[in-house]
Amino acid sequence: MRDLTVETRQQENRTPVAAGLALTPPLGQDYWSHRVRITDRQAIVAFPKFSSIGIGFAVEAEDWNCNLPYRCDAEEIYEHIEPNKGDDAISRETCIAAIRLLQGAIQAQQEGSSDG
């Protein structure tokens, strides 16, 4: 298993709002604020969505919009996004560890931004 590390970058929230309704932002493997690479071809990413941060796989083979808010339980997020894993060699435990790393990084960032 590769060492799991959280990568971060600035990501503008691209959630479109039309007539007061928020629509799903244009998701893709390059839309992320936090990422944990699992393999050379797959990562679990966190990204701005609506007024929260969603977590899902970077490469979504089955469902292009399969993610849950970062505040959900890590196991619940994994069960929801698992169909997009794309590689049976990626273990459940690795994915849940990656999700927990993302949740911790997002929580720390949010706490840091509220210290103002």
PDB file of N, CA and C in Angstrom:
ATOM      1  N   MET A   1       0.845  -1.183   0.000  1.00  0.00           N
ATOM      2  CA  MET A   1       0.000   0.000   0.000  1.00  0.00           C
ATOM      3  C   MET A   1       0.888   1.243   0.000  1.00  0.00           C
ATOM      4  N   ARG A   2       0.510   2.217  -0.762  1.00  0.00           N
ATOM      5  CA  ARG A   2       1.262   3.472  -0.815  1.00  0.00           C
ATOM      6  C   ARG A   2       0.974   4.273   0.452  1.00  0.00           C
ATOM      7  N   ASP A   3       1.931   5.116   0.834  1.00  0.00           N
ATOM      8  CA  ASP A   3       1.707   6.012   1.969  1.00  0.00           C
ATOM      9  C   ASP A   3       0.594   6.974   1.612  1.00  0.00           C
ATOM     10  N   LEU A   4      -0.337   7.149   2.520  1.00  0.00           N
ATOM     11  CA  LEU A   4      -1.463   8.037   2.267  1.00  0.00           C
ATOM     12  C   LEU A   4      -1.156   9.424   2.806  1.00  0.00           C
ATOM     13  N   THR A   5      -1.238  10.401   1.946  1.00  0.00           N
ATOM     14  CA  THR A   5      -1.011  11.791   2.336  1.00  0.00           C
ATOM     15  C   THR A   5      -2.067  12.671   1.698  1.00  0.00           C
ATOM     16  N   VAL A   6      -2.430  13.706   2.412  1.00  0.00           N
ATOM     17  CA  VAL A   6      -3.415  14.650   1.902  1.00  0.00           C
ATOM     18  C   VAL A   6      -2.698  15.750   1.142  1.00  0.00           C
ATOM     19  N   GLU A   7      -3.119  15.959  -0.091  1.00  0.00           N
ATOM     20  CA  GLU A   7      -2.660  17.091  -0.887  1.00  0.00           C
ATOM     21  C   GLU A   7      -3.775  18.135  -0.844  1.00  0.00           C
ATOM     22  N   THR A   8      -3.399  19.406  -0.782  1.00  0.00           N
ATOM     23  CA  THR A   8      -4.407  20.464  -0.775  1.00  0.00           C
ATOM     24  C   THR A   8      -4.067  21.520  -1.812  1.00  0.00           C
ATOM     25  N   ARG A   9      -5.099  22.198  -2.259  1.00  0.00           N
ATOM     26  CA  ARG A   9      -4.926  23.321  -3.172  1.00  0.00           C
ATOM     27  C   ARG A   9      -6.188  24.181  -3.112  1.00  0.00           C
ATOM     28  N   GLN A  10      -6.064  25.384  -3.576  1.00  0.00           N
ATOM     29  CA  GLN A  10      -7.222  26.269  -3.666  1.00  0.00           C
ATOM     30  C   GLN A  10      -8.128  25.754  -4.778  1.00  0.00           C
ATOM     31  N   GLN A  11      -9.399  25.656  -4.498  1.00  0.00           N
ATOM     32  CA  GLN A  11     -10.368  25.251  -5.519  1.00  0.00           C
ATOM     33  C   GLN A  11     -11.599  26.123  -5.368  1.00  0.00           C
ATOM     34  N   GLU A  12     -11.843  26.927  -6.368  1.00  0.00           N
ATOM     35  CA  GLU A  12     -13.039  27.761  -6.377  1.00  0.00           C
ATOM     36  C   GLU A  12     -14.276  26.869  -6.388  1.00  0.00           C
ATOM     37  N   ASN A  13     -15.274  27.252  -5.619  1.00  0.00           N
ATOM     38  CA  ASN A  13     -16.536  26.521  -5.608  1.00  0.00           C
ATOM     39  C   ASN A  13     -17.268  26.819  -6.913  1.00  0.00           C
ATOM     40  N   ARG A  14     -17.420  25.823  -7.759  1.00  0.00           N
ATOM     41  CA  ARG A  14     -18.049  26.000  -9.068  1.00  0.00           C
ATOM     42  C   ARG A  14     -19.509  25.569  -9.080  1.00  0.00           C
ATOM     43  N   THR A  15     -20.145  25.536  -7.912  1.00  0.00           N
ATOM     44  CA  THR A  15     -21.551  25.165  -7.852  1.00  0.00           C
ATOM     45  C   THR A  15     -22.379  26.255  -8.529  1.00  0.00           C
ATOM     46  N   PRO A  16     -23.021  25.940  -9.666  1.00  0.00           N
ATOM     47  CA  PRO A  16     -23.822  26.964 -10.338  1.00  0.00           C
ATOM     48  C   PRO A  16     -25.147  27.199  -9.609  1.00  0.00           C
ATOM     49  N   VAL A  17     -25.562  28.439  -9.578  1.00  0.00           N
ATOM     50  CA  VAL A  17     -26.837  28.796  -8.978  1.00  0.00           C
ATOM     51  C   VAL A  17     -27.665  29.476 -10.060  1.00  0.00           C
ATOM     52  N   ALA A  18     -28.848  28.938 -10.297  1.00  0.00           N
ATOM     53  CA  ALA A  18     -29.747  29.496 -11.307  1.00  0.00           C
ATOM     54  C   ALA A  18     -31.135  29.635 -10.693  1.00  0.00           C
ATOM     55  N   ALA A  19     -31.680  30.828 -10.756  1.00  0.00           N
ATOM     56  CA  ALA A  19     -33.014  31.111 -10.206  1.00  0.00           C
ATOM     57  C   ALA A  19     -33.134  30.635  -8.762  1.00  0.00           C
ATOM     58  N   GLY A  20     -32.070  30.838  -7.986  1.00  0.00           N
ATOM     59  CA  GLY A  20     -32.079  30.474  -6.573  1.00  0.00           C
ATOM     60  C   GLY A  20     -31.842  29.009  -6.292  1.00  0.00           C
ATOM     61  N   LEU A  21     -31.662  28.187  -7.308  1.00  0.00           N
ATOM     62  CA  LEU A  21     -31.406  26.760  -7.118  1.00  0.00           C
ATOM     63  C   LEU A  21     -29.934  26.460  -7.351  1.00  0.00           C
ATOM     64  N   ALA A  22     -29.339  25.710  -6.433  1.00  0.00           N
ATOM     65  CA  ALA A  22     -27.949  25.287  -6.599  1.00  0.00           C
ATOM     66  C   ALA A  22     -27.939  23.974  -7.375  1.00  0.00           C
ATOM     67  N   LEU A  23     -27.118  23.919  -8.413  1.00  0.00           N
ATOM     68  CA  LEU A  23     -26.988  22.736  -9.249  1.00  0.00           C
ATOM     69  C   LEU A  23     -25.648  22.068  -8.966  1.00  0.00           C
ATOM     70  N   THR A  24     -25.511  20.821  -9.346  1.00  0.00           N
ATOM     71  CA  THR A  24     -24.249  20.115  -9.138  1.00  0.00           C
ATOM     72  C   THR A  24     -23.139  20.797  -9.933  1.00  0.00           C
ATOM     73  N   PRO A  25     -21.999  21.072  -9.287  1.00  0.00           N
ATOM     74  CA  PRO A  25     -20.889  21.675 -10.030  1.00  0.00           C
ATOM     75  C   PRO A  25     -20.326  20.690 -11.049  1.00  0.00           C
ATOM     76  N   PRO A  26     -19.609  21.186 -12.044  1.00  0.00           N
ATOM     77  CA  PRO A  26     -19.001  20.283 -13.035  1.00  0.00           C
ATOM     78  C   PRO A  26     -17.871  19.486 -12.391  1.00  0.00           C
ATOM     79  N   LEU A  27     -18.161  18.256 -12.026  1.00  0.00           N
ATOM     80  CA  LEU A  27     -17.202  17.420 -11.312  1.00  0.00           C
ATOM     81  C   LEU A  27     -16.282  16.715 -12.293  1.00  0.00           C
ATOM     82  N   GLY A  28     -15.105  16.365 -11.818  1.00  0.00           N
ATOM     83  CA  GLY A  28     -14.134  15.636 -12.623  1.00  0.00           C
ATOM     84  C   GLY A  28     -12.885  15.431 -11.798  1.00  0.00           C
ATOM     85  N   GLN A  29     -11.938  14.672 -12.340  1.00  0.00           N
ATOM     86  CA  GLN A  29     -10.748  14.342 -11.560  1.00  0.00           C
ATOM     87  C   GLN A  29      -9.850  15.545 -11.283  1.00  0.00           C
ATOM     88  N   ASP A  30     -10.104  16.673 -11.943  1.00  0.00           N
ATOM     89  CA  ASP A  30      -9.309  17.868 -11.687  1.00  0.00           C
ATOM     90  C   ASP A  30     -10.035  18.890 -10.816  1.00  0.00           C
ATOM     91  N   TYR A  31     -11.191  18.515 -10.300  1.00  0.00           N
ATOM     92  CA  TYR A  31     -11.953  19.410  -9.414  1.00  0.00           C
ATOM     93  C   TYR A  31     -11.836  18.891  -7.987  1.00  0.00           C
ATOM     94  N   TRP A  32     -10.882  19.453  -7.241  1.00  0.00           N
ATOM     95  CA  TRP A  32     -10.675  19.026  -5.864  1.00  0.00           C
ATOM     96  C   TRP A  32      -9.940  20.097  -5.068  1.00  0.00           C
ATOM     97  N   SER A  33     -10.211  20.115  -3.787  1.00  0.00           N
ATOM     98  CA  SER A  33      -9.486  20.987  -2.863  1.00  0.00           C
ATOM     99  C   SER A  33      -8.551  20.166  -1.975  1.00  0.00           C
ATOM    100  N   HIS A  34      -8.896  18.901  -1.782  1.00  0.00           N
ATOM    101  CA  HIS A  34      -8.104  17.961  -0.990  1.00  0.00           C
ATOM    102  C   HIS A  34      -8.110  16.632  -1.736  1.00  0.00           C
ATOM    103  N   ARG A  35      -6.961  15.955  -1.712  1.00  0.00           N
ATOM    104  CA  ARG A  35      -6.870  14.688  -2.428  1.00  0.00           C
ATOM    105  C   ARG A  35      -5.922  13.753  -1.698  1.00  0.00           C
ATOM    106  N   VAL A  36      -6.282  12.474  -1.691  1.00  0.00           N
ATOM    107  CA  VAL A  36      -5.401  11.410  -1.214  1.00  0.00           C
ATOM    108  C   VAL A  36      -5.272  10.423  -2.368  1.00  0.00           C
ATOM    109  N   ARG A  37      -4.064  10.310  -2.917  1.00  0.00           N
ATOM    110  CA  ARG A  37      -3.823   9.349  -3.999  1.00  0.00           C
ATOM    111  C   ARG A  37      -3.760   7.949  -3.410  1.00  0.00           C
ATOM    112  N   ILE A  38      -4.465   7.040  -4.070  1.00  0.00           N
ATOM    113  CA  ILE A  38      -4.487   5.651  -3.617  1.00  0.00           C
ATOM    114  C   ILE A  38      -3.646   4.782  -4.547  1.00  0.00           C
ATOM    115  N   THR A  39      -3.760   5.027  -5.846  1.00  0.00           N
ATOM    116  CA  THR A  39      -2.950   4.352  -6.855  1.00  0.00           C
ATOM    117  C   THR A  39      -2.530   5.413  -7.863  1.00  0.00           C
ATOM    118  N   ASP A  40      -1.782   5.009  -8.869  1.00  0.00           N
ATOM    119  CA  ASP A  40      -1.401   5.957  -9.912  1.00  0.00           C
ATOM    120  C   ASP A  40      -2.609   6.465 -10.689  1.00  0.00           C
ATOM    121  N   ARG A  41      -3.677   5.688 -10.700  1.00  0.00           N
ATOM    122  CA  ARG A  41      -4.858   6.056 -11.480  1.00  0.00           C
ATOM    123  C   ARG A  41      -6.065   6.484 -10.663  1.00  0.00           C
ATOM    124  N   GLN A  42      -6.008   6.338  -9.336  1.00  0.00           N
ATOM    125  CA  GLN A  42      -7.185   6.635  -8.534  1.00  0.00           C
ATOM    126  C   GLN A  42      -6.815   7.386  -7.262  1.00  0.00           C
ATOM    127  N   ALA A  43      -7.714   8.272  -6.875  1.00  0.00           N
ATOM    128  CA  ALA A  43      -7.569   9.038  -5.634  1.00  0.00           C
ATOM    129  C   ALA A  43      -8.960   9.241  -5.048  1.00  0.00           C
ATOM    130  N   ILE A  44      -8.992   9.540  -3.781  1.00  0.00           N
ATOM    131  CA  ILE A  44     -10.235   9.998  -3.169  1.00  0.00           C
ATOM    132  C   ILE A  44     -10.063  11.493  -2.991  1.00  0.00           C
ATOM    133  N   VAL A  45     -11.059  12.237  -3.441  1.00  0.00           N
ATOM    134  CA  VAL A  45     -10.969  13.692  -3.458  1.00  0.00           C
ATOM    135  C   VAL A  45     -12.089  14.320  -2.638  1.00  0.00           C
ATOM    136  N   ALA A  46     -11.810  15.530  -2.179  1.00  0.00           N
ATOM    137  CA  ALA A  46     -12.812  16.367  -1.523  1.00  0.00           C
ATOM    138  C   ALA A  46     -12.885  17.656  -2.326  1.00  0.00           C
ATOM    139  N   PHE A  47     -14.081  18.200  -2.459  1.00  0.00           N
ATOM    140  CA  PHE A  47     -14.279  19.356  -3.331  1.00  0.00           C
ATOM    141  C   PHE A  47     -15.482  20.162  -2.866  1.00  0.00           C
ATOM    142  N   PRO A  48     -15.468  21.460  -3.149  1.00  0.00           N
ATOM    143  CA  PRO A  48     -16.630  22.284  -2.801  1.00  0.00           C
ATOM    144  C   PRO A  48     -17.852  21.844  -3.592  1.00  0.00           C
ATOM    145  N   LYS A  49     -18.950  21.667  -2.889  1.00  0.00           N
ATOM    146  CA  LYS A  49     -20.218  21.306  -3.535  1.00  0.00           C
ATOM    147  C   LYS A  49     -21.337  21.884  -2.692  1.00  0.00           C
ATOM    148  N   PHE A  50     -22.158  22.701  -3.311  1.00  0.00           N
ATOM    149  CA  PHE A  50     -23.203  23.430  -2.621  1.00  0.00           C
ATOM    150  C   PHE A  50     -22.537  24.249  -1.515  1.00  0.00           C
ATOM    151  N   SER A  51     -22.998  24.123  -0.281  1.00  0.00           N
ATOM    152  CA  SER A  51     -22.384  24.901   0.796  1.00  0.00           C
ATOM    153  C   SER A  51     -21.517  24.021   1.686  1.00  0.00           C
ATOM    154  N   SER A  52     -21.112  22.870   1.168  1.00  0.00           N
ATOM    155  CA  SER A  52     -20.308  21.927   1.943  1.00  0.00           C
ATOM    156  C   SER A  52     -19.105  21.474   1.124  1.00  0.00           C
ATOM    157  N   ILE A  53     -18.535  20.363   1.546  1.00  0.00           N
ATOM    158  CA  ILE A  53     -17.429  19.724   0.847  1.00  0.00           C
ATOM    159  C   ILE A  53     -17.844  18.273   0.622  1.00  0.00           C
ATOM    160  N   GLY A  54     -17.809  17.834  -0.634  1.00  0.00           N
ATOM    161  CA  GLY A  54     -18.148  16.458  -0.957  1.00  0.00           C
ATOM    162  C   GLY A  54     -16.903  15.600  -1.034  1.00  0.00           C
ATOM    163  N   ILE A  55     -17.065  14.305  -0.800  1.00  0.00           N
ATOM    164  CA  ILE A  55     -15.963  13.340  -0.923  1.00  0.00           C
ATOM    165  C   ILE A  55     -16.397  12.229  -1.867  1.00  0.00           C
ATOM    166  N   GLY A  56     -15.508  11.911  -2.824  1.00  0.00           N
ATOM    167  CA  GLY A  56     -15.783  10.841  -3.773  1.00  0.00           C
ATOM    168  C   GLY A  56     -14.493  10.411  -4.442  1.00  0.00           C
ATOM    169  N   PHE A  57     -14.587   9.470  -5.357  1.00  0.00           N
ATOM    170  CA  PHE A  57     -13.416   9.051  -6.119  1.00  0.00           C
ATOM    171  C   PHE A  57     -13.135  10.058  -7.228  1.00  0.00           C
ATOM    172  N   ALA A  58     -11.866  10.248  -7.537  1.00  0.00           N
ATOM    173  CA  ALA A  58     -11.471  11.170  -8.606  1.00  0.00           C
ATOM    174  C   ALA A  58     -11.937  10.659  -9.957  1.00  0.00           C
ATOM    175  N   VAL A  59     -11.758   9.375 -10.201  1.00  0.00           N
ATOM    176  CA  VAL A  59     -12.182   8.766 -11.458  1.00  0.00           C
ATOM    177  C   VAL A  59     -13.438   7.966 -11.150  1.00  0.00           C
ATOM    178  N   GLU A  60     -14.544   8.383 -11.735  1.00  0.00           N
ATOM    179  CA  GLU A  60     -15.824   7.746 -11.451  1.00  0.00           C
ATOM    180  C   GLU A  60     -16.275   6.936 -12.671  1.00  0.00           C
ATOM    181  N   ALA A  61     -16.160   5.633 -12.545  1.00  0.00           N
ATOM    182  CA  ALA A  61     -16.487   4.749 -13.669  1.00  0.00           C
ATOM    183  C   ALA A  61     -17.984   4.494 -13.786  1.00  0.00           C
ATOM    184  N   GLU A  62     -18.666   4.353 -12.679  1.00  0.00           N
ATOM    185  CA  GLU A  62     -20.071   3.960 -12.692  1.00  0.00           C
ATOM    186  C   GLU A  62     -21.023   5.149 -12.653  1.00  0.00           C
ATOM    187  N   ASP A  63     -20.787   6.095 -11.759  1.00  0.00           N
ATOM    188  CA  ASP A  63     -21.720   7.198 -11.533  1.00  0.00           C
ATOM    189  C   ASP A  63     -20.920   8.478 -11.430  1.00  0.00           C
ATOM    190  N   TRP A  64     -21.115   9.406 -12.345  1.00  0.00           N
ATOM    191  CA  TRP A  64     -20.318  10.626 -12.405  1.00  0.00           C
ATOM    192  C   TRP A  64     -20.593  11.581 -11.251  1.00  0.00           C
ATOM    193  N   ASN A  65     -21.585  11.306 -10.440  1.00  0.00           N
ATOM    194  CA  ASN A  65     -21.932  12.225  -9.354  1.00  0.00           C
ATOM    195  C   ASN A  65     -22.179  11.441  -8.070  1.00  0.00           C
ATOM    196  N   CYS A  66     -21.207  10.644  -7.686  1.00  0.00           N
ATOM    197  CA  CYS A  66     -21.363   9.782  -6.520  1.00  0.00           C
ATOM    198  C   CYS A  66     -20.423  10.263  -5.415  1.00  0.00           C
ATOM    199  N   ASN A  67     -20.974  11.018  -4.487  1.00  0.00           N
ATOM    200  CA  ASN A  67     -20.196  11.557  -3.378  1.00  0.00           C
ATOM    201  C   ASN A  67     -21.138  11.874  -2.232  1.00  0.00           C
ATOM    202  N   LEU A  68     -20.578  12.089  -1.069  1.00  0.00           N
ATOM    203  CA  LEU A  68     -21.359  12.493   0.099  1.00  0.00           C
ATOM    204  C   LEU A  68     -20.618  13.610   0.820  1.00  0.00           C
ATOM    205  N   PRO A  69     -21.333  14.394   1.627  1.00  0.00           N
ATOM    206  CA  PRO A  69     -20.673  15.449   2.407  1.00  0.00           C
ATOM    207  C   PRO A  69     -19.630  14.868   3.363  1.00  0.00           C
ATOM    208  N   TYR A  70     -18.564  15.626   3.563  1.00  0.00           N
ATOM    209  CA  TYR A  70     -17.449  15.141   4.379  1.00  0.00           C
ATOM    210  C   TYR A  70     -17.848  14.857   5.817  1.00  0.00           C
ATOM    211  N   ARG A  71     -18.920  15.430   6.303  1.00  0.00           N
ATOM    212  CA  ARG A  71     -19.340  15.223   7.696  1.00  0.00           C
ATOM    213  C   ARG A  71     -20.016  13.873   7.928  1.00  0.00           C
ATOM    214  N   CYS A  72     -20.335  13.157   6.849  1.00  0.00           N
ATOM    215  CA  CYS A  72     -20.910  11.813   6.995  1.00  0.00           C
ATOM    216  C   CYS A  72     -19.851  10.869   7.567  1.00  0.00           C
ATOM    217  N   ASP A  73     -20.300   9.763   8.099  1.00  0.00           N
ATOM    218  CA  ASP A  73     -19.403   8.753   8.634  1.00  0.00           C
ATOM    219  C   ASP A  73     -18.526   8.192   7.502  1.00  0.00           C
ATOM    220  N   ALA A  74     -17.246   7.963   7.785  1.00  0.00           N
ATOM    221  CA  ALA A  74     -16.307   7.493   6.764  1.00  0.00           C
ATOM    222  C   ALA A  74     -16.767   6.190   6.121  1.00  0.00           C
ATOM    223  N   GLU A  75     -17.298   5.267   6.918  1.00  0.00           N
ATOM    224  CA  GLU A  75     -17.776   4.001   6.370  1.00  0.00           C
ATOM    225  C   GLU A  75     -18.983   4.228   5.453  1.00  0.00           C
ATOM    226  N   GLU A  76     -19.868   5.151   5.832  1.00  0.00           N
ATOM    227  CA  GLU A  76     -21.032   5.470   5.003  1.00  0.00           C
ATOM    228  C   GLU A  76     -20.589   6.074   3.662  1.00  0.00           C
ATOM    229  N   ILE A  77     -19.611   6.972   3.717  1.00  0.00           N
ATOM    230  CA  ILE A  77     -19.089   7.549   2.472  1.00  0.00           C
ATOM    231  C   ILE A  77     -18.518   6.454   1.596  1.00  0.00           C
ATOM    232  N   TYR A  78     -17.698   5.587   2.180  1.00  0.00           N
ATOM    233  CA  TYR A  78     -17.097   4.513   1.386  1.00  0.00           C
ATOM    234  C   TYR A  78     -18.168   3.644   0.732  1.00  0.00           C
ATOM    235  N   GLU A  79     -19.157   3.210   1.494  1.00  0.00           N
ATOM    236  CA  GLU A  79     -20.195   2.332   0.939  1.00  0.00           C
ATOM    237  C   GLU A  79     -20.920   3.017  -0.217  1.00  0.00           C
ATOM    238  N   HIS A  80     -21.099   4.316  -0.126  1.00  0.00           N
ATOM    239  CA  HIS A  80     -21.806   5.065  -1.162  1.00  0.00           C
ATOM    240  C   HIS A  80     -20.963   5.226  -2.435  1.00  0.00           C
ATOM    241  N   ILE A  81     -19.666   5.467  -2.278  1.00  0.00           N
ATOM    242  CA  ILE A  81     -18.809   5.745  -3.439  1.00  0.00           C
ATOM    243  C   ILE A  81     -18.122   4.496  -3.994  1.00  0.00           C
ATOM    244  N   GLU A  82     -18.169   3.389  -3.273  1.00  0.00           N
ATOM    245  CA  GLU A  82     -17.437   2.167  -3.638  1.00  0.00           C
ATOM    246  C   GLU A  82     -17.650   1.694  -5.075  1.00  0.00           C
ATOM    247  N   PRO A  83     -18.848   1.822  -5.655  1.00  0.00           N
ATOM    248  CA  PRO A  83     -19.006   1.362  -7.046  1.00  0.00           C
ATOM    249  C   PRO A  83     -18.059   2.059  -8.035  1.00  0.00           C
ATOM    250  N   ASN A  84     -17.534   3.217  -7.678  1.00  0.00           N
ATOM    251  CA  ASN A  84     -16.621   3.946  -8.557  1.00  0.00           C
ATOM    252  C   ASN A  84     -15.152   3.635  -8.300  1.00  0.00           C
ATOM    253  N   LYS A  85     -14.862   2.723  -7.399  1.00  0.00           N
ATOM    254  CA  LYS A  85     -13.473   2.417  -7.041  1.00  0.00           C
ATOM    255  C   LYS A  85     -12.647   2.047  -8.265  1.00  0.00           C
ATOM    256  N   GLY A  86     -13.195   1.242  -9.152  1.00  0.00           N
ATOM    257  CA  GLY A  86     -12.544   0.946 -10.416  1.00  0.00           C
ATOM    258  C   GLY A  86     -11.399  -0.047 -10.379  1.00  0.00           C
ATOM    259  N   ASP A  87     -10.992  -0.488  -9.205  1.00  0.00           N
ATOM    260  CA  ASP A  87      -9.861  -1.408  -9.103  1.00  0.00           C
ATOM    261  C   ASP A  87     -10.077  -2.266  -7.862  1.00  0.00           C
ATOM    262  N   ASP A  88     -10.336  -3.552  -8.051  1.00  0.00           N
ATOM    263  CA  ASP A  88     -10.605  -4.446  -6.927  1.00  0.00           C
ATOM    264  C   ASP A  88      -9.406  -4.611  -5.991  1.00  0.00           C
ATOM    265  N   ALA A  89      -8.215  -4.225  -6.446  1.00  0.00           N
ATOM    266  CA  ALA A  89      -7.024  -4.326  -5.601  1.00  0.00           C
ATOM    267  C   ALA A  89      -6.995  -3.236  -4.524  1.00  0.00           C
ATOM    268  N   ILE A  90      -7.812  -2.211  -4.678  1.00  0.00           N
ATOM    269  CA  ILE A  90      -7.884  -1.139  -3.678  1.00  0.00           C
ATOM    270  C   ILE A  90      -8.768  -1.641  -2.537  1.00  0.00           C
ATOM    271  N   SER A  91      -8.220  -1.673  -1.340  1.00  0.00           N
ATOM    272  CA  SER A  91      -8.963  -2.242  -0.216  1.00  0.00           C
ATOM    273  C   SER A  91      -9.917  -1.227   0.420  1.00  0.00           C
ATOM    274  N   ARG A  92     -10.930  -1.775   1.029  1.00  0.00           N
ATOM    275  CA  ARG A  92     -11.899  -0.978   1.795  1.00  0.00           C
ATOM    276  C   ARG A  92     -11.165  -0.190   2.883  1.00  0.00           C
ATOM    277  N   GLU A  93     -10.245  -0.858   3.573  1.00  0.00           N
ATOM    278  CA  GLU A  93      -9.521  -0.236   4.678  1.00  0.00           C
ATOM    279  C   GLU A  93      -8.699   0.962   4.202  1.00  0.00           C
ATOM    280  N   THR A  94      -8.062   0.829   3.042  1.00  0.00           N
ATOM    281  CA  THR A  94      -7.286   1.936   2.481  1.00  0.00           C
ATOM    282  C   THR A  94      -8.192   3.117   2.178  1.00  0.00           C
ATOM    283  N   CYS A  95      -9.342   2.832   1.586  1.00  0.00           N
ATOM    284  CA  CYS A  95     -10.272   3.905   1.237  1.00  0.00           C
ATOM    285  C   CYS A  95     -10.799   4.612   2.477  1.00  0.00           C
ATOM    286  N   ILE A  96     -11.172   3.854   3.484  1.00  0.00           N
ATOM    287  CA  ILE A  96     -11.693   4.467   4.710  1.00  0.00           C
ATOM    288  C   ILE A  96     -10.601   5.283   5.393  1.00  0.00           C
ATOM    289  N   ALA A  97      -9.371   4.790   5.399  1.00  0.00           N
ATOM    290  CA  ALA A  97      -8.255   5.568   5.970  1.00  0.00           C
ATOM    291  C   ALA A  97      -8.077   6.877   5.202  1.00  0.00           C
ATOM    292  N   ALA A  98      -8.171   6.825   3.874  1.00  0.00           N
ATOM    293  CA  ALA A  98      -8.034   8.029   3.051  1.00  0.00           C
ATOM    294  C   ALA A  98      -9.167   9.011   3.344  1.00  0.00           C
ATOM    295  N   ILE A  99     -10.385   8.506   3.464  1.00  0.00           N
ATOM    296  CA  ILE A  99     -11.531   9.364   3.771  1.00  0.00           C
ATOM    297  C   ILE A  99     -11.338  10.037   5.121  1.00  0.00           C
ATOM    298  N   ARG A 100     -10.878   9.293   6.107  1.00  0.00           N
ATOM    299  CA  ARG A 100     -10.658   9.875   7.442  1.00  0.00           C
ATOM    300  C   ARG A 100      -9.564  10.938   7.411  1.00  0.00           C
ATOM    301  N   LEU A 101      -8.525  10.709   6.617  1.00  0.00           N
ATOM    302  CA  LEU A 101      -7.485  11.739   6.464  1.00  0.00           C
ATOM    303  C   LEU A 101      -8.077  13.021   5.863  1.00  0.00           C
ATOM    304  N   LEU A 102      -8.902  12.858   4.840  1.00  0.00           N
ATOM    305  CA  LEU A 102      -9.553  14.021   4.231  1.00  0.00           C
ATOM    306  C   LEU A 102     -10.448  14.730   5.232  1.00  0.00           C
ATOM    307  N   GLN A 103     -11.243  13.981   5.961  1.00  0.00           N
ATOM    308  CA  GLN A 103     -12.135  14.582   6.950  1.00  0.00           C
ATOM    309  C   GLN A 103     -11.348  15.367   7.996  1.00  0.00           C
ATOM    310  N   GLY A 104     -10.245  14.813   8.458  1.00  0.00           N
ATOM    311  CA  GLY A 104      -9.413  15.503   9.444  1.00  0.00           C
ATOM    312  C   GLY A 104      -8.807  16.778   8.892  1.00  0.00           C
ATOM    313  N   ALA A 105      -8.318  16.726   7.656  1.00  0.00           N
ATOM    314  CA  ALA A 105      -7.716  17.909   7.035  1.00  0.00           C
ATOM    315  C   ALA A 105      -8.751  19.003   6.811  1.00  0.00           C
ATOM    316  N   ILE A 106      -9.944  18.621   6.370  1.00  0.00           N
ATOM    317  CA  ILE A 106     -11.008  19.608   6.150  1.00  0.00           C
ATOM    318  C   ILE A 106     -11.431  20.223   7.472  1.00  0.00           C
ATOM    319  N   GLN A 107     -11.602  19.389   8.486  1.00  0.00           N
ATOM    320  CA  GLN A 107     -12.010  19.883   9.810  1.00  0.00           C
ATOM    321  C   GLN A 107     -10.955  20.852  10.362  1.00  0.00           C
ATOM    322  N   ALA A 108      -9.684  20.501  10.248  1.00  0.00           N
ATOM    323  CA  ALA A 108      -8.609  21.375  10.736  1.00  0.00           C
ATOM    324  C   ALA A 108      -8.596  22.691   9.971  1.00  0.00           C
ATOM    325  N   GLN A 109      -8.799  22.630   8.672  1.00  0.00           N
ATOM    326  CA  GLN A 109      -8.824  23.846   7.858  1.00  0.00           C
ATOM    327  C   GLN A 109     -10.015  24.732   8.246  1.00  0.00           C
ATOM    328  N   GLN A 110     -11.163  24.132   8.463  1.00  0.00           N
ATOM    329  CA  GLN A 110     -12.342  24.890   8.829  1.00  0.00           C
ATOM    330  C   GLN A 110     -12.188  25.515  10.208  1.00  0.00           C
ATOM    331  N   GLU A 111     -11.599  24.788  11.135  1.00  0.00           N
ATOM    332  CA  GLU A 111     -11.358  25.341  12.465  1.00  0.00           C
ATOM    333  C   GLU A 111     -10.353  26.473  12.402  1.00  0.00           C
ATOM    334  N   GLY A 112      -9.339  26.323  11.561  1.00  0.00           N
ATOM    335  CA  GLY A 112      -8.325  27.376  11.395  1.00  0.00           C
ATOM    336  C   GLY A 112      -8.892  28.636  10.788  1.00  0.00           C
ATOM    337  N   SER A 113      -9.842  28.490   9.874  1.00  0.00           N
ATOM    338  CA  SER A 113     -10.403  29.662   9.221  1.00  0.00           C
ATOM    339  C   SER A 113     -11.410  30.375  10.101  1.00  0.00           C
ATOM    340  N   SER A 114     -11.878  29.734  11.169  1.00  0.00           N
ATOM    341  CA  SER A 114     -12.837  30.386  12.065  1.00  0.00           C
ATOM    342  C   SER A 114     -12.153  31.024  13.269  1.00  0.00           C
ATOM    343  N   ASP A 115     -10.808  30.917  13.351  1.00  0.00           N
ATOM    344  CA  ASP A 115     -10.080  31.506  14.485  1.00  0.00           C
ATOM    345  C   ASP A 115     -10.034  33.023  14.405  1.00  0.00           C
ATOM    346  N   GLY A 116     -10.204  33.588  13.181  1.00  0.00           N
ATOM    347  CA  GLY A 116     -10.084  34.980  12.848  1.00  0.00           C
ATOM    348  C   GLY A 116     -10.401  35.932  13.864  1.00  0.00           C
TER     349      GLY A 116
END
